[in-house]
Amino acid sequence: MKRKYLILLLAILGCATVVSAQNRKALRINEVMVDNESSIVDEYGNRSGWIELFNANYGPLEIASVFLTTDSLNPTMYPVPMGDELTKIGKRQHVLFHADGEPNKGTFHTNFVLVPGKDNWVGLYDADGRSLIDYVIVPASLLPDQSYARVDDGFGEWEVRNGSASKYITPSSANIIKDKNNKIELFARVDGHGFGMAAMAMCIVFSALLVLCLAFMLISKIGAAQTRKNKALAHGVETKAERREVEHDSGEEIAAICMALYEHLNAHDKEDTVLTINKVKRAYSPWSSKIYGLRQLPH
């Protein structure tokens, strides 16, 4: 029995590991800066290269025990420590790792650095140290304070960003900053005066009221029927539904009864083709004769 429970526990743990691995497949390297001269600083006020990860899931993701590395031959170079609540990334959110070679400063400080002037291979491995989740090769041509980022968060091609109005650098934030709501602008163009919105709101309100009214009517009818049934059961009286179950007045039954009567009485529907002769007997009684009621016989 204990062996069965042990096998079941191992199966559950295995399923949980598979689900976790599937979720981590959506973890992406999103933006990298190699030479940081005037960009973001860490919590100690220092500048260093940094690596931004993005959770492409539509749910929170725990990234503890994954590995960051700059050497494909050493996939377990920097393990993300366990036990830090900040390693749980919200849905569609970002997290920043400072590549300063000082892991003693905290969870988000790696034990390696990014080297300017050369291609930097950055890899992200799963907790087993063998499954490569994502990687990027940052080109050596990247200048100071430039970043290498995806065009869209978690997907798309990579591009060099120099901090200009169209190529802004976005550590710990979305790569495309949306300052306009396209749906609101479209609604403003289509229904500038708001008549459509007012009509839509009124239709929704009246529809909801109608549905509520019908629901209350149905509930009241059901309640009344149940009350009548309970009263009938309490007084030992049959309800209409029970009486209808006993009564047999369907059209098929009436037709069958008529046919049986026809066969039994030998009734004729078409008298022009069927001749019926019946012998009639009338009992004679002097009391019923009019002759005896006359005073004299007619001449």
Protein backbone atom coordinates (compact mmCIF):
# COMPACT_ATOMS: atom_id res chain seq x y z
CA MET A 1 0.00 0.00 0.00
CA LYS A 2 2.82 2.41 0.89
CA ARG A 3 4.48 1.64 -2.42
CA LYS A 4 1.30 2.62 -4.29
CA TYR A 5 1.13 5.93 -2.46
CA LEU A 6 4.82 6.56 -3.21
CA ILE A 7 4.26 5.90 -6.94
CA LEU A 8 1.24 8.21 -6.95
CA LEU A 9 3.23 10.97 -5.23
CA LEU A 10 6.07 10.63 -7.73
CA ALA A 11 3.58 10.79 -10.62
CA ILE A 12 2.03 13.98 -9.20
CA LEU A 13 5.47 15.55 -8.75
CA GLY A 14 6.38 14.54 -12.29
CA CYS A 15 3.22 16.14 -13.69
CA ALA A 16 3.91 19.31 -11.73
CA THR A 17 7.45 19.39 -13.10
CA VAL A 18 6.19 18.97 -16.67
CA VAL A 19 3.62 21.76 -16.23
CA SER A 20 6.29 24.02 -14.74
CA ALA A 21 8.62 23.28 -17.65
CA GLN A 22 5.89 24.02 -20.14
CA ASN A 23 5.23 27.37 -18.46
CA ARG A 24 8.90 28.28 -18.48
CA LYS A 25 9.03 27.72 -22.23
CA ALA A 26 7.34 31.12 -22.49
CA LEU A 27 10.16 32.85 -20.57
CA ARG A 28 12.14 35.03 -22.99
CA ILE A 29 15.33 37.07 -23.07
CA ASN A 30 13.84 40.42 -24.05
CA GLU A 31 16.55 43.10 -23.98
CA VAL A 32 20.31 43.22 -23.27
CA MET A 33 22.73 46.10 -22.65
CA VAL A 34 26.43 45.29 -22.62
CA ASP A 35 28.13 48.64 -21.92
CA ASN A 36 26.14 50.78 -19.48
CA GLU A 37 27.65 54.25 -19.07
CA SER A 38 24.56 56.42 -18.44
CA SER A 39 21.60 54.03 -18.35
CA ILE A 40 19.81 52.49 -15.37
CA VAL A 41 21.59 52.00 -12.03
CA ASP A 42 21.10 49.15 -9.55
CA GLU A 43 19.92 49.48 -5.93
CA TYR A 44 23.50 50.36 -4.93
CA GLY A 45 23.75 53.21 -7.43
CA ASN A 46 26.17 51.36 -9.71
CA ARG A 47 25.96 50.88 -13.47
CA SER A 48 26.62 47.60 -15.22
CA GLY A 49 25.42 45.59 -18.17
CA TRP A 50 21.99 44.10 -17.73
CA ILE A 51 19.71 41.36 -19.07
CA GLU A 52 15.94 41.70 -19.13
CA LEU A 53 13.67 38.64 -19.05
CA PHE A 54 9.99 38.67 -20.05
CA ASN A 55 7.19 36.36 -18.90
CA ALA A 56 5.10 35.77 -22.05
CA ASN A 57 2.56 33.71 -20.08
CA TYR A 58 -0.86 35.05 -19.17
CA GLY A 59 -0.25 33.94 -15.62
CA PRO A 60 2.47 34.36 -12.97
CA LEU A 61 5.69 32.41 -13.40
CA GLU A 62 8.28 31.33 -10.83
CA ILE A 63 11.78 31.61 -12.34
CA ALA A 64 13.77 30.39 -9.32
CA SER A 65 16.34 27.69 -10.21
CA VAL A 66 16.61 28.65 -13.90
CA PHE A 67 20.10 29.38 -15.20
CA LEU A 68 21.62 32.39 -16.96
CA THR A 69 24.92 31.92 -18.74
CA THR A 70 27.25 33.41 -21.31
CA ASP A 71 28.90 30.08 -22.11
CA SER A 72 27.04 27.32 -23.93
CA LEU A 73 29.52 24.80 -22.51
CA ASN A 74 28.65 25.89 -18.97
CA PRO A 75 24.83 26.12 -18.94
CA THR A 76 24.60 26.28 -15.12
CA MET A 77 26.83 29.33 -14.75
CA TYR A 78 24.39 31.43 -12.72
CA PRO A 79 21.47 29.72 -10.98
CA VAL A 80 18.66 32.07 -9.99
CA PRO A 81 18.43 31.60 -6.20
CA MET A 82 15.38 30.01 -4.61
CA GLY A 83 13.46 31.47 -1.71
CA ASP A 84 13.14 35.02 -3.02
CA GLU A 85 9.53 36.12 -3.51
CA LEU A 86 10.66 38.58 -6.19
CA THR A 87 11.52 35.72 -8.52
CA LYS A 88 7.81 35.20 -9.15
CA ILE A 89 7.06 37.31 -12.23
CA GLY A 90 3.53 38.48 -12.91
CA LYS A 91 1.79 37.81 -16.21
CA ARG A 92 3.32 39.70 -19.15
CA GLN A 93 5.86 41.34 -16.82
CA HIS A 94 9.63 41.91 -16.87
CA VAL A 95 12.55 41.29 -14.53
CA LEU A 96 16.07 42.76 -14.78
CA PHE A 97 19.36 41.04 -13.95
CA HIS A 98 22.52 43.14 -13.47
CA ALA A 99 25.52 41.43 -15.09
CA ASP A 100 28.11 42.89 -12.70
CA GLY A 101 29.86 39.71 -11.53
CA GLU A 102 28.84 40.31 -7.91
CA PRO A 103 26.20 37.71 -6.93
CA ASN A 104 26.70 38.54 -3.26
CA LYS A 105 24.75 41.77 -3.82
CA GLY A 106 21.48 39.95 -4.27
CA THR A 107 19.31 37.64 -6.33
CA PHE A 108 19.36 39.81 -9.44
CA HIS A 109 23.14 40.24 -9.63
CA THR A 110 24.85 37.59 -11.78
CA ASN A 111 28.28 36.04 -11.29
CA PHE A 112 29.36 36.97 -14.83
CA VAL A 113 29.80 40.18 -16.81
CA LEU A 114 29.10 41.13 -20.40
CA VAL A 115 32.20 42.10 -22.39
CA PRO A 116 32.00 45.17 -24.68
CA GLY A 117 33.51 44.96 -28.17
CA LYS A 118 32.81 41.26 -28.71
CA ASP A 119 29.85 39.02 -29.47
CA ASN A 120 28.13 38.03 -26.24
CA TRP A 121 26.19 34.77 -26.29
CA VAL A 122 23.51 34.87 -23.56
CA GLY A 123 21.54 31.73 -22.80
CA LEU A 124 18.61 30.86 -20.53
CA TYR A 125 18.36 27.24 -19.33
CA ASP A 126 15.66 25.44 -17.40
CA ALA A 127 16.13 24.01 -13.90
CA ASP A 128 17.54 20.73 -15.22
CA GLY A 129 20.54 22.60 -16.69
CA ARG A 130 20.09 20.92 -20.08
CA SER A 131 16.91 22.36 -21.61
CA LEU A 132 17.67 25.59 -23.45
CA ILE A 133 14.69 27.93 -23.12
CA ASP A 134 16.02 30.93 -25.07
CA TYR A 135 19.26 32.52 -26.24
CA VAL A 136 20.55 35.57 -28.09
CA ILE A 137 23.87 36.65 -29.60
CA VAL A 138 24.47 40.33 -28.83
CA PRO A 139 26.60 41.80 -31.65
CA ALA A 140 30.05 43.25 -30.94
CA SER A 141 29.10 46.42 -32.86
CA LEU A 142 26.84 47.52 -30.00
CA LEU A 143 27.98 50.95 -28.76
CA PRO A 144 27.91 52.17 -25.13
CA ASP A 145 24.41 52.87 -23.80
CA GLN A 146 22.86 50.99 -26.71
CA SER A 147 20.69 47.95 -26.12
CA TYR A 148 19.82 44.92 -28.20
CA ALA A 149 16.08 44.30 -27.89
CA ARG A 150 13.19 42.49 -29.46
CA VAL A 151 10.86 44.58 -31.58
CA ASP A 152 7.89 43.29 -29.57
CA ASP A 153 7.95 41.81 -26.06
CA GLY A 154 8.88 38.13 -26.14
CA PHE A 155 8.56 37.75 -29.92
CA GLY A 156 9.75 39.13 -33.20
CA GLU A 157 13.12 40.18 -34.54
CA TRP A 158 15.95 41.84 -32.63
CA GLU A 159 17.09 45.41 -33.21
CA VAL A 160 19.69 47.85 -31.90
CA ARG A 161 18.24 50.66 -29.82
CA ASN A 162 20.11 53.92 -29.23
CA GLY A 163 17.66 55.77 -27.02
CA SER A 164 16.16 57.96 -29.73
CA ALA A 165 12.45 58.79 -29.95
CA SER A 166 11.75 55.75 -32.12
CA LYS A 167 14.43 53.45 -30.64
CA TYR A 168 14.07 54.05 -26.93
CA ILE A 169 15.63 51.80 -24.31
CA THR A 170 13.15 50.15 -21.94
CA PRO A 171 14.68 48.25 -18.99
CA SER A 172 11.98 46.55 -16.87
CA SER A 173 9.20 47.83 -19.13
CA ALA A 174 7.47 47.03 -22.40
CA ASN A 175 9.56 47.36 -25.57
CA ILE A 176 6.65 49.12 -27.28
CA ILE A 177 5.21 51.85 -25.10
CA LYS A 178 1.63 52.51 -26.10
CA ASP A 179 0.44 56.03 -25.30
CA LYS A 180 -2.82 55.76 -27.27
CA ASN A 181 -5.81 53.47 -27.10
CA ASN A 182 -6.74 52.54 -30.66
CA LYS A 183 -10.19 51.30 -29.65
CA ILE A 184 -11.07 54.58 -27.99
CA GLU A 185 -9.87 56.56 -31.00
CA LEU A 186 -11.90 54.36 -33.35
CA PHE A 187 -15.00 54.81 -31.19
CA ALA A 188 -14.49 58.56 -31.19
CA ARG A 189 -14.34 58.61 -34.98
CA VAL A 190 -17.37 56.38 -35.47
CA ASP A 191 -19.57 57.85 -32.72
CA GLY A 192 -18.28 61.31 -31.98
CA HIS A 193 -21.47 62.59 -30.27
CA GLY A 194 -22.10 59.47 -28.21
CA PHE A 195 -25.57 58.63 -29.56
CA GLY A 196 -24.53 55.10 -30.39
CA MET A 197 -23.09 54.56 -26.93
CA ALA A 198 -26.30 55.88 -25.31
CA ALA A 199 -28.49 53.62 -27.45
CA MET A 200 -26.27 50.63 -26.74
CA ALA A 201 -26.34 51.30 -23.00
CA MET A 202 -30.14 51.62 -22.99
CA CYS A 203 -30.53 48.38 -24.95
CA ILE A 204 -28.28 46.56 -22.52
CA VAL A 205 -30.13 47.92 -19.49
CA PHE A 206 -33.62 47.14 -20.84
CA SER A 207 -32.51 43.69 -21.99
CA ALA A 208 -31.16 42.95 -18.53
CA LEU A 209 -34.40 44.17 -16.93
CA LEU A 210 -36.47 42.01 -19.30
CA VAL A 211 -34.41 38.95 -18.48
CA LEU A 212 -34.78 39.64 -14.76
CA CYS A 213 -38.54 40.10 -15.13
CA LEU A 214 -38.93 36.81 -16.98
CA ALA A 215 -36.73 35.06 -14.45
CA PHE A 216 -38.80 36.38 -11.52
CA MET A 217 -42.05 35.35 -13.24
CA LEU A 218 -40.73 31.86 -13.84
CA ILE A 219 -39.50 31.57 -10.28
CA SER A 220 -42.87 32.74 -8.91
CA LYS A 221 -44.77 30.22 -11.04
CA ILE A 222 -42.51 27.41 -9.95
CA GLY A 223 -42.90 28.45 -6.33
CA ALA A 224 -46.70 28.64 -6.61
CA ALA A 225 -46.88 25.20 -8.24
CA GLN A 226 -44.70 23.73 -5.54
CA THR A 227 -46.85 25.35 -2.86
CA ARG A 228 -50.04 23.88 -4.36
CA LYS A 229 -48.43 20.50 -4.59
CA ASN A 230 -47.33 20.62 -0.95
CA LYS A 231 -50.83 21.64 0.16
CA ALA A 232 -52.41 18.84 -1.86
CA LEU A 233 -50.03 16.31 -0.37
CA ALA A 234 -50.74 17.62 3.10
CA HIS A 235 -54.54 17.25 2.61
CA GLY A 236 -54.36 14.04 0.59
CA VAL A 237 -55.87 15.62 -2.53
CA GLU A 238 -54.80 14.76 -6.04
CA THR A 239 -53.35 17.59 -8.05
CA LYS A 240 -54.35 18.45 -11.59
CA ALA A 241 -51.16 16.96 -12.93
CA GLU A 242 -51.84 13.67 -11.16
CA ARG A 243 -55.44 13.65 -12.44
CA ARG A 244 -54.21 14.27 -15.96
CA GLU A 245 -51.95 11.28 -15.62
CA VAL A 246 -54.98 9.10 -14.76
CA GLU A 247 -57.36 10.49 -17.38
CA HIS A 248 -57.17 9.05 -20.88
CA ASP A 249 -58.79 11.35 -23.39
CA SER A 250 -56.32 11.42 -26.21
CA GLY A 251 -57.53 11.38 -29.81
CA GLU A 252 -56.10 7.94 -30.48
CA GLU A 253 -58.03 6.38 -27.61
CA ILE A 254 -61.31 8.04 -28.66
CA ALA A 255 -60.85 6.79 -32.23
CA ALA A 256 -60.21 3.26 -30.97
CA ILE A 257 -63.37 3.35 -28.85
CA CYS A 258 -65.46 4.55 -31.82
CA MET A 259 -64.14 1.78 -34.05
CA ALA A 260 -64.92 -0.80 -31.39
CA LEU A 261 -68.49 0.50 -31.08
CA TYR A 262 -68.88 0.45 -34.85
CA GLU A 263 -67.79 -3.15 -35.07
CA HIS A 264 -70.02 -4.10 -32.16
CA LEU A 265 -73.22 -2.38 -33.25
CA ASN A 266 -72.66 -2.88 -36.99
CA ALA A 267 -73.62 0.74 -37.64
CA HIS A 268 -73.78 1.93 -41.23
CA ASP A 269 -72.30 5.21 -42.31
CA LYS A 270 -73.53 4.94 -45.95
CA GLU A 271 -77.26 4.03 -45.99
CA ASP A 272 -77.55 4.30 -49.79
CA THR A 273 -75.49 1.17 -50.28
CA VAL A 274 -76.46 -0.90 -47.24
CA LEU A 275 -79.99 -2.17 -46.58
CA THR A 276 -80.91 -2.85 -43.03
CA ILE A 277 -84.14 -4.77 -42.19
CA ASN A 278 -85.18 -4.89 -38.61
CA LYS A 279 -88.31 -6.66 -37.39
CA VAL A 280 -90.37 -4.38 -35.19
CA LYS A 281 -92.71 -5.84 -32.62
CA ARG A 282 -95.32 -3.69 -30.98
CA ALA A 283 -97.39 -5.18 -28.20
CA TYR A 284 -101.20 -4.64 -28.79
CA SER A 285 -103.18 -3.24 -25.94
CA PRO A 286 -106.85 -2.18 -26.03
CA TRP A 287 -105.97 0.67 -23.76
CA SER A 288 -103.75 2.16 -26.44
CA SER A 289 -106.32 1.80 -29.29
CA LYS A 290 -108.24 4.88 -30.29
CA ILE A 291 -111.19 2.79 -31.54
CA TYR A 292 -112.37 2.24 -28.02
CA GLY A 293 -112.32 5.91 -27.35
CA LEU A 294 -114.93 6.79 -30.04
CA ARG A 295 -118.63 7.17 -29.10
CA GLN A 296 -119.84 6.03 -32.51
CA LEU A 297 -118.21 4.55 -35.53
CA PRO A 298 -117.67 6.91 -38.43
CA HIS A 299 -119.67 6.35 -41.61
